[in-house]
Amino acid sequence: MTLPHRCSYIDRGRDCPLSPSYIISIENDNDEYMIAVVCHDHRDLMESRLKAMQSKSTIPQGKTKFQEIRVVVTDCINAAGDE
């Protein structure tokens, strides 16, 4: 899955330039909705903002889940058909 290259947090109209550290999703009944990615610096601020949005019913109710992003790097070999 391709993720955004920057944190989703916006403060006073300014985007955060940091790379995301967490995928944020909402677990609701049997469904899970990915709603944002956030850097380590803005995790707590985003959690507070999401709770406020849930209380206003602007995002789905449910448990907010923060999953740490793990980067996987591979040395891919592209075969040219000569093998």
PDB file of N, CA and C in Angstrom:
ATOM      1  N   MET A   1       0.845  -1.163   0.000  1.00  0.00           N
ATOM      2  CA  MET A   1       0.000   0.000   0.000  1.00  0.00           C
ATOM      3  C   MET A   1       0.897   1.235   0.000  1.00  0.00           C
ATOM      4  N   THR A   2       0.602   2.167  -0.855  1.00  0.00           N
ATOM      5  CA  THR A   2       1.340   3.415  -0.905  1.00  0.00           C
ATOM      6  C   THR A   2       0.721   4.397   0.071  1.00  0.00           C
ATOM      7  N   LEU A   3       1.550   5.006   0.894  1.00  0.00           N
ATOM      8  CA  LEU A   3       1.092   5.978   1.887  1.00  0.00           C
ATOM      9  C   LEU A   3       1.566   7.367   1.511  1.00  0.00           C
ATOM     10  N   PRO A   4       0.901   8.393   2.035  1.00  0.00           N
ATOM     11  CA  PRO A   4       1.389   9.756   1.814  1.00  0.00           C
ATOM     12  C   PRO A   4       2.813   9.912   2.352  1.00  0.00           C
ATOM     13  N   HIS A   5       3.561  10.811   1.769  1.00  0.00           N
ATOM     14  CA  HIS A   5       4.947  11.031   2.178  1.00  0.00           C
ATOM     15  C   HIS A   5       5.070  11.957   3.380  1.00  0.00           C
ATOM     16  N   ARG A   6       3.962  12.652   3.722  1.00  0.00           N
ATOM     17  CA  ARG A   6       4.009  13.612   4.824  1.00  0.00           C
ATOM     18  C   ARG A   6       2.887  13.339   5.812  1.00  0.00           C
ATOM     19  N   CYS A   7       3.083  13.829   7.005  1.00  0.00           N
ATOM     20  CA  CYS A   7       2.086  13.780   8.076  1.00  0.00           C
ATOM     21  C   CYS A   7       0.812  14.495   7.634  1.00  0.00           C
ATOM     22  N   SER A   8      -0.344  14.007   8.071  1.00  0.00           N
ATOM     23  CA  SER A   8      -1.638  14.607   7.707  1.00  0.00           C
ATOM     24  C   SER A   8      -2.026  15.789   8.584  1.00  0.00           C
ATOM     25  N   TYR A   9      -1.260  16.073   9.614  1.00  0.00           N
ATOM     26  CA  TYR A   9      -1.615  17.141  10.557  1.00  0.00           C
ATOM     27  C   TYR A   9      -1.417  18.517   9.919  1.00  0.00           C
ATOM     28  N   ILE A  10      -2.419  19.365  10.063  1.00  0.00           N
ATOM     29  CA  ILE A  10      -2.359  20.743   9.556  1.00  0.00           C
ATOM     30  C   ILE A  10      -2.636  21.672  10.722  1.00  0.00           C
ATOM     31  N   ASP A  11      -1.755  22.645  10.934  1.00  0.00           N
ATOM     32  CA  ASP A  11      -1.918  23.605  12.021  1.00  0.00           C
ATOM     33  C   ASP A  11      -1.849  25.017  11.456  1.00  0.00           C
ATOM     34  N   ARG A  12      -2.935  25.766  11.651  1.00  0.00           N
ATOM     35  CA  ARG A  12      -3.039  27.147  11.151  1.00  0.00           C
ATOM     36  C   ARG A  12      -2.753  27.240   9.651  1.00  0.00           C
ATOM     37  N   GLY A  13      -3.267  26.245   8.916  1.00  0.00           N
ATOM     38  CA  GLY A  13      -3.118  26.244   7.463  1.00  0.00           C
ATOM     39  C   GLY A  13      -1.775  25.761   6.962  1.00  0.00           C
ATOM     40  N   ARG A  14      -0.904  25.328   7.861  1.00  0.00           N
ATOM     41  CA  ARG A  14       0.427  24.867   7.455  1.00  0.00           C
ATOM     42  C   ARG A  14       0.517  23.353   7.594  1.00  0.00           C
ATOM     43  N   ASP A  15       0.920  22.689   6.510  1.00  0.00           N
ATOM     44  CA  ASP A  15       1.103  21.242   6.515  1.00  0.00           C
ATOM     45  C   ASP A  15       2.375  20.878   7.275  1.00  0.00           C
ATOM     46  N   CYS A  16       2.322  19.763   7.979  1.00  0.00           N
ATOM     47  CA  CYS A  16       3.519  19.240   8.643  1.00  0.00           C
ATOM     48  C   CYS A  16       4.409  18.594   7.582  1.00  0.00           C
ATOM     49  N   PRO A  17       5.704  18.940   7.525  1.00  0.00           N
ATOM     50  CA  PRO A  17       6.586  18.373   6.505  1.00  0.00           C
ATOM     51  C   PRO A  17       7.208  17.028   6.895  1.00  0.00           C
ATOM     52  N   LEU A  18       6.951  16.544   8.119  1.00  0.00           N
ATOM     53  CA  LEU A  18       7.592  15.323   8.595  1.00  0.00           C
ATOM     54  C   LEU A  18       6.971  14.065   7.986  1.00  0.00           C
ATOM     55  N   SER A  19       7.762  13.021   7.919  1.00  0.00           N
ATOM     56  CA  SER A  19       7.280  11.730   7.423  1.00  0.00           C
ATOM     57  C   SER A  19       6.340  11.107   8.449  1.00  0.00           C
ATOM     58  N   PRO A  20       5.343  10.364   7.987  1.00  0.00           N
ATOM     59  CA  PRO A  20       4.416   9.738   8.930  1.00  0.00           C
ATOM     60  C   PRO A  20       5.070   8.596   9.715  1.00  0.00           C
ATOM     61  N   SER A  21       4.631   8.445  10.962  1.00  0.00           N
ATOM     62  CA  SER A  21       5.104   7.363  11.825  1.00  0.00           C
ATOM     63  C   SER A  21       3.987   6.383  12.165  1.00  0.00           C
ATOM     64  N   TYR A  22       2.717   6.840  12.017  1.00  0.00           N
ATOM     65  CA  TYR A  22       1.566   6.024  12.392  1.00  0.00           C
ATOM     66  C   TYR A  22       0.469   6.113  11.333  1.00  0.00           C
ATOM     67  N   ILE A  23      -0.228   4.993  11.148  1.00  0.00           N
ATOM     68  CA  ILE A  23      -1.459   4.973  10.365  1.00  0.00           C
ATOM     69  C   ILE A  23      -2.592   5.055  11.378  1.00  0.00           C
ATOM     70  N   ILE A  24      -3.518   5.977  11.169  1.00  0.00           N
ATOM     71  CA  ILE A  24      -4.642   6.139  12.081  1.00  0.00           C
ATOM     72  C   ILE A  24      -5.879   5.556  11.417  1.00  0.00           C
ATOM     73  N   SER A  25      -6.574   4.710  12.178  1.00  0.00           N
ATOM     74  CA  SER A  25      -7.820   4.140  11.683  1.00  0.00           C
ATOM     75  C   SER A  25      -8.852   4.138  12.797  1.00  0.00           C
ATOM     76  N   ILE A  26     -10.111   3.997  12.401  1.00  0.00           N
ATOM     77  CA  ILE A  26     -11.225   3.914  13.344  1.00  0.00           C
ATOM     78  C   ILE A  26     -11.834   2.526  13.208  1.00  0.00           C
ATOM     79  N   GLU A  27     -11.899   1.785  14.313  1.00  0.00           N
ATOM     80  CA  GLU A  27     -12.556   0.489  14.341  1.00  0.00           C
ATOM     81  C   GLU A  27     -13.995   0.699  14.800  1.00  0.00           C
ATOM     82  N   ASN A  28     -14.935   0.271  13.949  1.00  0.00           N
ATOM     83  CA  ASN A  28     -16.348   0.468  14.230  1.00  0.00           C
ATOM     84  C   ASN A  28     -17.076  -0.821  13.868  1.00  0.00           C
ATOM     85  N   ASP A  29     -17.648  -1.503  14.863  1.00  0.00           N
ATOM     86  CA  ASP A  29     -18.303  -2.802  14.664  1.00  0.00           C
ATOM     87  C   ASP A  29     -17.326  -3.760  13.993  1.00  0.00           C
ATOM     88  N   ASN A  30     -17.644  -4.235  12.800  1.00  0.00           N
ATOM     89  CA  ASN A  30     -16.770  -5.169  12.095  1.00  0.00           C
ATOM     90  C   ASN A  30     -15.934  -4.488  11.022  1.00  0.00           C
ATOM     91  N   ASP A  31     -15.974  -3.161  10.960  1.00  0.00           N
ATOM     92  CA  ASP A  31     -15.256  -2.418   9.928  1.00  0.00           C
ATOM     93  C   ASP A  31     -14.102  -1.632  10.525  1.00  0.00           C
ATOM     94  N   GLU A  32     -13.138  -1.296   9.669  1.00  0.00           N
ATOM     95  CA  GLU A  32     -12.028  -0.439  10.071  1.00  0.00           C
ATOM     96  C   GLU A  32     -11.782   0.553   8.945  1.00  0.00           C
ATOM     97  N   TYR A  33     -11.715   1.836   9.283  1.00  0.00           N
ATOM     98  CA  TYR A  33     -11.543   2.906   8.304  1.00  0.00           C
ATOM     99  C   TYR A  33     -10.211   3.604   8.533  1.00  0.00           C
ATOM    100  N   MET A  34      -9.319   3.576   7.524  1.00  0.00           N
ATOM    101  CA  MET A  34      -8.077   4.336   7.610  1.00  0.00           C
ATOM    102  C   MET A  34      -8.410   5.786   7.324  1.00  0.00           C
ATOM    103  N   ILE A  35      -8.029   6.684   8.231  1.00  0.00           N
ATOM    104  CA  ILE A  35      -8.419   8.077   8.049  1.00  0.00           C
ATOM    105  C   ILE A  35      -7.252   9.043   7.880  1.00  0.00           C
ATOM    106  N   ALA A  36      -6.050   8.666   8.328  1.00  0.00           N
ATOM    107  CA  ALA A  36      -4.923   9.598   8.221  1.00  0.00           C
ATOM    108  C   ALA A  36      -3.613   8.878   8.527  1.00  0.00           C
ATOM    109  N   VAL A  37      -2.516   9.586   8.287  1.00  0.00           N
ATOM    110  CA  VAL A  37      -1.192   9.187   8.761  1.00  0.00           C
ATOM    111  C   VAL A  37      -0.635  10.378   9.526  1.00  0.00           C
ATOM    112  N   VAL A  38       0.144  10.101  10.552  1.00  0.00           N
ATOM    113  CA  VAL A  38       0.630  11.195  11.393  1.00  0.00           C
ATOM    114  C   VAL A  38       2.055  10.892  11.861  1.00  0.00           C
ATOM    115  N   CYS A  39       2.838  11.944  12.064  1.00  0.00           N
ATOM    116  CA  CYS A  39       4.203  11.793  12.558  1.00  0.00           C
ATOM    117  C   CYS A  39       4.185  11.615  14.081  1.00  0.00           C
ATOM    118  N   HIS A  40       5.324  11.245  14.621  1.00  0.00           N
ATOM    119  CA  HIS A  40       5.440  11.029  16.067  1.00  0.00           C
ATOM    120  C   HIS A  40       5.148  12.322  16.847  1.00  0.00           C
ATOM    121  N   ASP A  41       5.595  13.459  16.327  1.00  0.00           N
ATOM    122  CA  ASP A  41       5.417  14.748  17.016  1.00  0.00           C
ATOM    123  C   ASP A  41       3.951  15.140  17.176  1.00  0.00           C
ATOM    124  N   HIS A  42       3.100  14.752  16.246  1.00  0.00           N
ATOM    125  CA  HIS A  42       1.697  15.182  16.258  1.00  0.00           C
ATOM    126  C   HIS A  42       0.712  14.098  16.686  1.00  0.00           C
ATOM    127  N   ARG A  43       1.199  12.967  17.142  1.00  0.00           N
ATOM    128  CA  ARG A  43       0.318  11.840  17.504  1.00  0.00           C
ATOM    129  C   ARG A  43      -0.712  12.239  18.556  1.00  0.00           C
ATOM    130  N   ASP A  44      -0.258  12.807  19.671  1.00  0.00           N
ATOM    131  CA  ASP A  44      -1.175  13.171  20.761  1.00  0.00           C
ATOM    132  C   ASP A  44      -2.142  14.278  20.352  1.00  0.00           C
ATOM    133  N   LEU A  45      -1.644  15.252  19.596  1.00  0.00           N
ATOM    134  CA  LEU A  45      -2.521  16.331  19.124  1.00  0.00           C
ATOM    135  C   LEU A  45      -3.597  15.797  18.190  1.00  0.00           C
ATOM    136  N   MET A  46      -3.213  14.874  17.320  1.00  0.00           N
ATOM    137  CA  MET A  46      -4.183  14.289  16.385  1.00  0.00           C
ATOM    138  C   MET A  46      -5.213  13.450  17.143  1.00  0.00           C
ATOM    139  N   GLU A  47      -4.774  12.721  18.155  1.00  0.00           N
ATOM    140  CA  GLU A  47      -5.703  11.912  18.940  1.00  0.00           C
ATOM    141  C   GLU A  47      -6.751  12.804  19.617  1.00  0.00           C
ATOM    142  N   SER A  48      -6.336  13.926  20.171  1.00  0.00           N
ATOM    143  CA  SER A  48      -7.276  14.877  20.790  1.00  0.00           C
ATOM    144  C   SER A  48      -8.243  15.445  19.763  1.00  0.00           C
ATOM    145  N   ARG A  49      -7.716  15.785  18.604  1.00  0.00           N
ATOM    146  CA  ARG A  49      -8.555  16.341  17.537  1.00  0.00           C
ATOM    147  C   ARG A  49      -9.588  15.318  17.054  1.00  0.00           C
ATOM    148  N   LEU A  50      -9.178  14.063  16.946  1.00  0.00           N
ATOM    149  CA  LEU A  50     -10.101  13.017  16.496  1.00  0.00           C
ATOM    150  C   LEU A  50     -11.206  12.777  17.516  1.00  0.00           C
ATOM    151  N   LYS A  51     -10.870  12.799  18.805  1.00  0.00           N
ATOM    152  CA  LYS A  51     -11.894  12.640  19.853  1.00  0.00           C
ATOM    153  C   LYS A  51     -12.923  13.767  19.766  1.00  0.00           C
ATOM    154  N   ALA A  52     -12.464  14.982  19.525  1.00  0.00           N
ATOM    155  CA  ALA A  52     -13.377  16.117  19.379  1.00  0.00           C
ATOM    156  C   ALA A  52     -14.258  15.945  18.147  1.00  0.00           C
ATOM    157  N   MET A  53     -13.683  15.452  17.055  1.00  0.00           N
ATOM    158  CA  MET A  53     -14.449  15.230  15.832  1.00  0.00           C
ATOM    159  C   MET A  53     -15.473  14.117  16.020  1.00  0.00           C
ATOM    160  N   GLN A  54     -15.131  13.080  16.790  1.00  0.00           N
ATOM    161  CA  GLN A  54     -16.082  12.007  17.067  1.00  0.00           C
ATOM    162  C   GLN A  54     -17.228  12.516  17.937  1.00  0.00           C
ATOM    163  N   SER A  55     -16.938  13.396  18.886  1.00  0.00           N
ATOM    164  CA  SER A  55     -18.004  13.922  19.737  1.00  0.00           C
ATOM    165  C   SER A  55     -18.977  14.795  18.940  1.00  0.00           C
ATOM    166  N   LYS A  56     -18.496  15.386  17.840  1.00  0.00           N
ATOM    167  CA  LYS A  56     -19.353  16.188  16.957  1.00  0.00           C
ATOM    168  C   LYS A  56     -19.947  15.351  15.818  1.00  0.00           C
ATOM    169  N   SER A  57     -19.631  14.062  15.797  1.00  0.00           N
ATOM    170  CA  SER A  57     -20.093  13.118  14.764  1.00  0.00           C
ATOM    171  C   SER A  57     -19.660  13.501  13.354  1.00  0.00           C
ATOM    172  N   THR A  58     -18.471  14.108  13.230  1.00  0.00           N
ATOM    173  CA  THR A  58     -17.951  14.427  11.893  1.00  0.00           C
ATOM    174  C   THR A  58     -17.110  13.282  11.324  1.00  0.00           C
ATOM    175  N   ILE A  59     -16.699  12.348  12.185  1.00  0.00           N
ATOM    176  CA  ILE A  59     -16.048  11.113  11.746  1.00  0.00           C
ATOM    177  C   ILE A  59     -16.750   9.959  12.469  1.00  0.00           C
ATOM    178  N   PRO A  60     -16.609   8.729  11.959  1.00  0.00           N
ATOM    179  CA  PRO A  60     -17.313   7.597  12.571  1.00  0.00           C
ATOM    180  C   PRO A  60     -16.927   7.379  14.038  1.00  0.00           C
ATOM    181  N   GLN A  61     -17.898   6.940  14.820  1.00  0.00           N
ATOM    182  CA  GLN A  61     -17.632   6.563  16.206  1.00  0.00           C
ATOM    183  C   GLN A  61     -16.870   5.247  16.212  1.00  0.00           C
ATOM    184  N   GLY A  62     -16.139   4.980  17.264  1.00  0.00           N
ATOM    185  CA  GLY A  62     -15.400   3.733  17.393  1.00  0.00           C
ATOM    186  C   GLY A  62     -14.059   3.975  18.040  1.00  0.00           C
ATOM    187  N   LYS A  63     -13.298   2.915  18.133  1.00  0.00           N
ATOM    188  CA  LYS A  63     -11.979   2.972  18.763  1.00  0.00           C
ATOM    189  C   LYS A  63     -10.959   3.522  17.770  1.00  0.00           C
ATOM    190  N   THR A  64     -10.206   4.531  18.204  1.00  0.00           N
ATOM    191  CA  THR A  64      -9.138   5.089  17.379  1.00  0.00           C
ATOM    192  C   THR A  64      -7.910   4.202  17.539  1.00  0.00           C
ATOM    193  N   LYS A  65      -7.353   3.780  16.418  1.00  0.00           N
ATOM    194  CA  LYS A  65      -6.223   2.855  16.430  1.00  0.00           C
ATOM    195  C   LYS A  65      -5.020   3.513  15.758  1.00  0.00           C
ATOM    196  N   PHE A  66      -3.874   3.505  16.433  1.00  0.00           N
ATOM    197  CA  PHE A  66      -2.630   4.029  15.887  1.00  0.00           C
ATOM    198  C   PHE A  66      -1.697   2.844  15.642  1.00  0.00           C
ATOM    199  N   GLN A  67      -1.410   2.582  14.377  1.00  0.00           N
ATOM    200  CA  GLN A  67      -0.526   1.472  14.017  1.00  0.00           C
ATOM    201  C   GLN A  67       0.801   2.046  13.541  1.00  0.00           C
ATOM    202  N   GLU A  68       1.875   1.631  14.173  1.00  0.00           N
ATOM    203  CA  GLU A  68       3.195   2.137  13.803  1.00  0.00           C
ATOM    204  C   GLU A  68       3.563   1.667  12.400  1.00  0.00           C
ATOM    205  N   ILE A  69       4.091   2.590  11.613  1.00  0.00           N
ATOM    206  CA  ILE A  69       4.518   2.273  10.249  1.00  0.00           C
ATOM    207  C   ILE A  69       5.907   1.657  10.311  1.00  0.00           C
ATOM    208  N   ARG A  70       6.057   0.505   9.682  1.00  0.00           N
ATOM    209  CA  ARG A  70       7.352  -0.166   9.597  1.00  0.00           C
ATOM    210  C   ARG A  70       7.786  -0.156   8.141  1.00  0.00           C
ATOM    211  N   VAL A  71       8.924   0.397   7.892  1.00  0.00           N
ATOM    212  CA  VAL A  71       9.437   0.491   6.530  1.00  0.00           C
ATOM    213  C   VAL A  71      10.122  -0.820   6.170  1.00  0.00           C
ATOM    214  N   VAL A  72       9.770  -1.344   5.018  1.00  0.00           N
ATOM    215  CA  VAL A  72      10.385  -2.566   4.522  1.00  0.00           C
ATOM    216  C   VAL A  72      11.142  -2.212   3.247  1.00  0.00           C
ATOM    217  N   VAL A  73      12.419  -2.543   3.227  1.00  0.00           N
ATOM    218  CA  VAL A  73      13.261  -2.253   2.072  1.00  0.00           C
ATOM    219  C   VAL A  73      13.750  -3.574   1.506  1.00  0.00           C
ATOM    220  N   THR A  74      13.648  -3.717   0.201  1.00  0.00           N
ATOM    221  CA  THR A  74      14.140  -4.929  -0.451  1.00  0.00           C
ATOM    222  C   THR A  74      15.065  -4.567  -1.601  1.00  0.00           C
ATOM    223  N   ASP A  75      15.926  -5.490  -1.958  1.00  0.00           N
ATOM    224  CA  ASP A  75      16.767  -5.335  -3.144  1.00  0.00           C
ATOM    225  C   ASP A  75      16.079  -6.105  -4.267  1.00  0.00           C
ATOM    226  N   CYS A  76      15.185  -5.438  -4.943  1.00  0.00           N
ATOM    227  CA  CYS A  76      14.424  -6.083  -6.010  1.00  0.00           C
ATOM    228  C   CYS A  76      15.320  -6.296  -7.228  1.00  0.00           C
ATOM    229  N   ILE A  77      15.149  -7.442  -7.822  1.00  0.00           N
ATOM    230  CA  ILE A  77      15.916  -7.755  -9.034  1.00  0.00           C
ATOM    231  C   ILE A  77      14.909  -7.864 -10.171  1.00  0.00           C
ATOM    232  N   ASN A  78      15.086  -7.058 -11.180  1.00  0.00           N
ATOM    233  CA  ASN A  78      14.218  -7.111 -12.347  1.00  0.00           C
ATOM    234  C   ASN A  78      14.879  -7.974 -13.404  1.00  0.00           C
ATOM    235  N   ALA A  79      14.280  -9.117 -13.697  1.00  0.00           N
ATOM    236  CA  ALA A  79      14.818 -10.016 -14.702  1.00  0.00           C
ATOM    237  C   ALA A  79      14.505  -9.479 -16.095  1.00  0.00           C
ATOM    238  N   ALA A  80      15.468  -9.530 -16.938  1.00  0.00           N
ATOM    239  CA  ALA A  80      15.297  -9.072 -18.321  1.00  0.00           C
ATOM    240  C   ALA A  80      14.977 -10.229 -19.246  1.00  0.00           C
ATOM    241  N   GLY A  81      14.699 -11.382 -18.673  1.00  0.00           N
ATOM    242  CA  GLY A  81      14.372 -12.536 -19.510  1.00  0.00           C
ATOM    243  C   GLY A  81      15.595 -13.333 -19.946  1.00  0.00           C
ATOM    244  N   ASP A  82      16.800 -12.986 -19.457  1.00  0.00           N
ATOM    245  CA  ASP A  82      18.034 -13.667 -19.843  1.00  0.00           C
ATOM    246  C   ASP A  82      18.366 -14.813 -18.887  1.00  0.00           C
ATOM    247  N   GLU A  83      17.522 -15.090 -17.940  1.00  0.00           N
ATOM    248  CA  GLU A  83      17.867 -16.090 -16.935  1.00  0.00           C
ATOM    249  C   GLU A  83      17.695 -17.448 -17.429  1.00  0.00           C
TER     250      GLU A  83
END
